[in-house]
């Protein structure tokens, strides 16, 4: 006598459509999160064009000079005599200083800002350019 199974053995299936929905949701979430990490409060400058390597992920100290020859250290307006003490206070050990100067900024103002930063302890300078 042969007994019939009450339930037929079924193989499990992997449903791919819900997995695709989850992946698109994660993609959209990470894209929106990365857009939220953009710095939108930076000083408005027109950087010169050039080829450069990508910088490391850490936040370097930034000295910006705009077209009116105003000097900013990390987006804060500074007088020339304040740059040295501010750099001394904010510079990390072995830290880089990024110089972001507008195309129309005076060469002398940029050089004076760099010299003040050097007196404040900066040793390595990087010049910011707009990538082509």
Protein backbone atom coordinates (compact mmCIF):
# COMPACT_ATOMS: atom_id res chain seq x y z
CA UNK A 1 0.00 0.00 0.00
CA UNK A 2 1.35 3.35 -1.03
CA UNK A 3 0.51 6.48 0.93
CA UNK A 4 0.28 9.74 -0.85
CA UNK A 5 1.95 12.70 0.75
CA UNK A 6 -0.49 15.27 1.99
CA UNK A 7 1.75 18.13 0.86
CA UNK A 8 3.86 18.11 -2.21
CA UNK A 9 7.48 19.10 -1.65
CA UNK A 10 8.05 22.51 -3.18
CA UNK A 11 11.36 24.14 -3.80
CA UNK A 12 11.92 27.58 -2.31
CA UNK A 13 12.11 30.54 -4.65
CA UNK A 14 13.98 33.78 -4.34
CA UNK A 15 11.80 36.67 -5.35
CA UNK A 16 13.99 39.25 -7.11
CA UNK A 17 11.46 42.08 -7.60
CA UNK A 18 11.28 43.08 -3.88
CA UNK A 19 15.08 42.92 -3.71
CA UNK A 20 15.34 45.35 -6.64
CA UNK A 21 12.88 47.71 -4.92
CA UNK A 22 14.99 47.69 -1.76
CA UNK A 23 18.19 48.36 -3.73
CA UNK A 24 16.63 51.36 -5.52
CA UNK A 25 15.40 52.72 -2.20
CA UNK A 26 18.91 52.42 -0.71
CA UNK A 27 20.43 54.05 -3.79
CA UNK A 28 18.07 57.02 -3.55
CA UNK A 29 18.71 57.33 0.20
CA UNK A 30 22.50 57.41 -0.21
CA UNK A 31 22.27 59.89 -3.08
CA UNK A 32 20.19 62.28 -0.99
CA UNK A 33 22.49 61.83 2.00
CA UNK A 34 25.57 62.64 -0.09
CA UNK A 35 23.89 65.79 -1.44
CA UNK A 36 23.17 66.88 2.13
CA UNK A 37 26.90 66.64 2.95
CA UNK A 38 27.86 69.29 0.39
CA UNK A 39 29.19 72.54 1.85
CA UNK A 40 26.99 75.32 0.52
CA UNK A 41 28.18 78.11 2.81
CA UNK A 42 31.60 78.53 1.20
CA UNK A 43 32.99 81.84 0.01
CA UNK A 44 31.97 82.52 -3.62
CA UNK A 45 35.14 82.44 -5.75
CA UNK A 46 36.06 81.96 -9.40
CA UNK A 47 38.98 79.53 -9.22
CA UNK A 48 41.59 79.27 -11.98
CA UNK A 49 41.41 76.11 -14.11
CA UNK A 50 44.06 73.38 -14.00
CA UNK A 51 44.71 69.69 -13.48
CA UNK A 52 45.14 68.42 -9.94
CA UNK A 53 44.93 65.20 -7.96
CA UNK A 54 42.03 64.56 -5.62
CA UNK A 55 42.70 65.61 -2.01
CA UNK A 56 42.42 63.41 1.06
CA UNK A 57 39.10 63.21 2.91
CA UNK A 58 40.10 65.21 6.03
CA UNK A 59 39.21 68.88 6.39
CA UNK A 60 42.27 71.07 5.70
CA UNK A 61 42.62 74.65 6.84
CA UNK A 62 41.46 76.92 4.00
CA UNK A 63 42.62 80.47 3.33
CA UNK A 64 40.47 82.20 0.70
CA UNK A 65 41.09 85.53 -1.01
CA UNK A 66 38.14 86.96 -2.94
CA UNK A 67 38.12 89.48 -5.81
CA UNK A 68 37.88 92.41 -3.33
CA UNK A 69 41.15 91.18 -1.72
CA UNK A 70 39.40 90.16 1.50
CA UNK A 71 41.03 87.24 3.31
CA UNK A 72 38.96 84.44 4.86
CA UNK A 73 40.25 81.65 7.09
CA UNK A 74 37.78 78.74 7.07
CA UNK A 75 35.03 81.07 5.73
CA UNK A 76 35.60 83.71 8.47
CA UNK A 77 36.71 87.18 7.41
CA UNK A 78 40.14 88.06 8.86
CA UNK A 79 42.35 91.11 9.00
CA UNK A 80 45.94 90.46 7.82
CA UNK A 81 47.27 90.74 11.38
CA UNK A 82 44.83 88.04 12.62
CA UNK A 83 45.86 85.33 10.15
CA UNK A 84 49.00 84.20 11.99
CA UNK A 85 47.29 83.64 15.35
CA UNK A 86 44.25 81.99 13.77
CA UNK A 87 46.39 79.56 11.76
CA UNK A 88 48.43 78.78 14.88
CA UNK A 89 45.20 77.94 16.72
CA UNK A 90 43.41 75.96 13.96
CA UNK A 91 46.24 74.13 12.20
CA UNK A 92 46.47 70.41 12.91
CA UNK A 93 49.90 68.73 13.22
CA UNK A 94 51.28 68.03 9.74
CA UNK A 95 48.16 69.69 8.33
CA UNK A 96 47.86 71.21 4.89
CA UNK A 97 46.71 74.74 4.18
CA UNK A 98 44.61 75.18 1.05
CA UNK A 99 44.96 78.54 -0.70
CA UNK A 100 41.81 79.39 -2.68
CA UNK A 101 42.32 82.69 -4.47
CA UNK A 102 39.95 84.29 -6.96
CA UNK A 103 41.25 84.94 -10.49
CA UNK A 104 40.93 88.69 -9.87
CA UNK A 105 42.59 88.64 -6.42
CA UNK A 106 45.81 90.60 -6.04
CA UNK A 107 48.99 88.52 -6.07
CA UNK A 108 50.49 90.49 -3.20
CA UNK A 109 47.51 89.86 -0.92
CA UNK A 110 47.71 86.10 -1.57
CA UNK A 111 51.45 86.05 -0.88
CA UNK A 112 51.05 88.07 2.33
CA UNK A 113 48.34 85.65 3.52
CA UNK A 114 50.63 82.69 2.79
CA UNK A 115 53.54 84.31 4.64
CA UNK A 116 51.32 85.00 7.66
CA UNK A 117 50.16 81.36 7.60
CA UNK A 118 53.80 80.21 7.45
CA UNK A 119 54.60 82.35 10.50
CA UNK A 120 51.60 80.63 12.17
CA UNK A 121 53.18 77.20 11.64
CA UNK A 122 51.95 76.11 8.20
CA UNK A 123 54.50 74.18 6.19
CA UNK A 124 52.54 72.62 3.32
CA UNK A 125 50.38 74.71 0.98
CA UNK A 126 47.96 73.46 -1.67
CA UNK A 127 46.57 75.77 -4.36
CA UNK A 128 42.86 75.20 -5.13
CA UNK A 129 41.94 75.10 -8.83
CA UNK A 130 38.75 74.35 -10.73
CA UNK A 131 39.07 70.93 -12.40
CA UNK A 132 38.74 70.98 -16.19
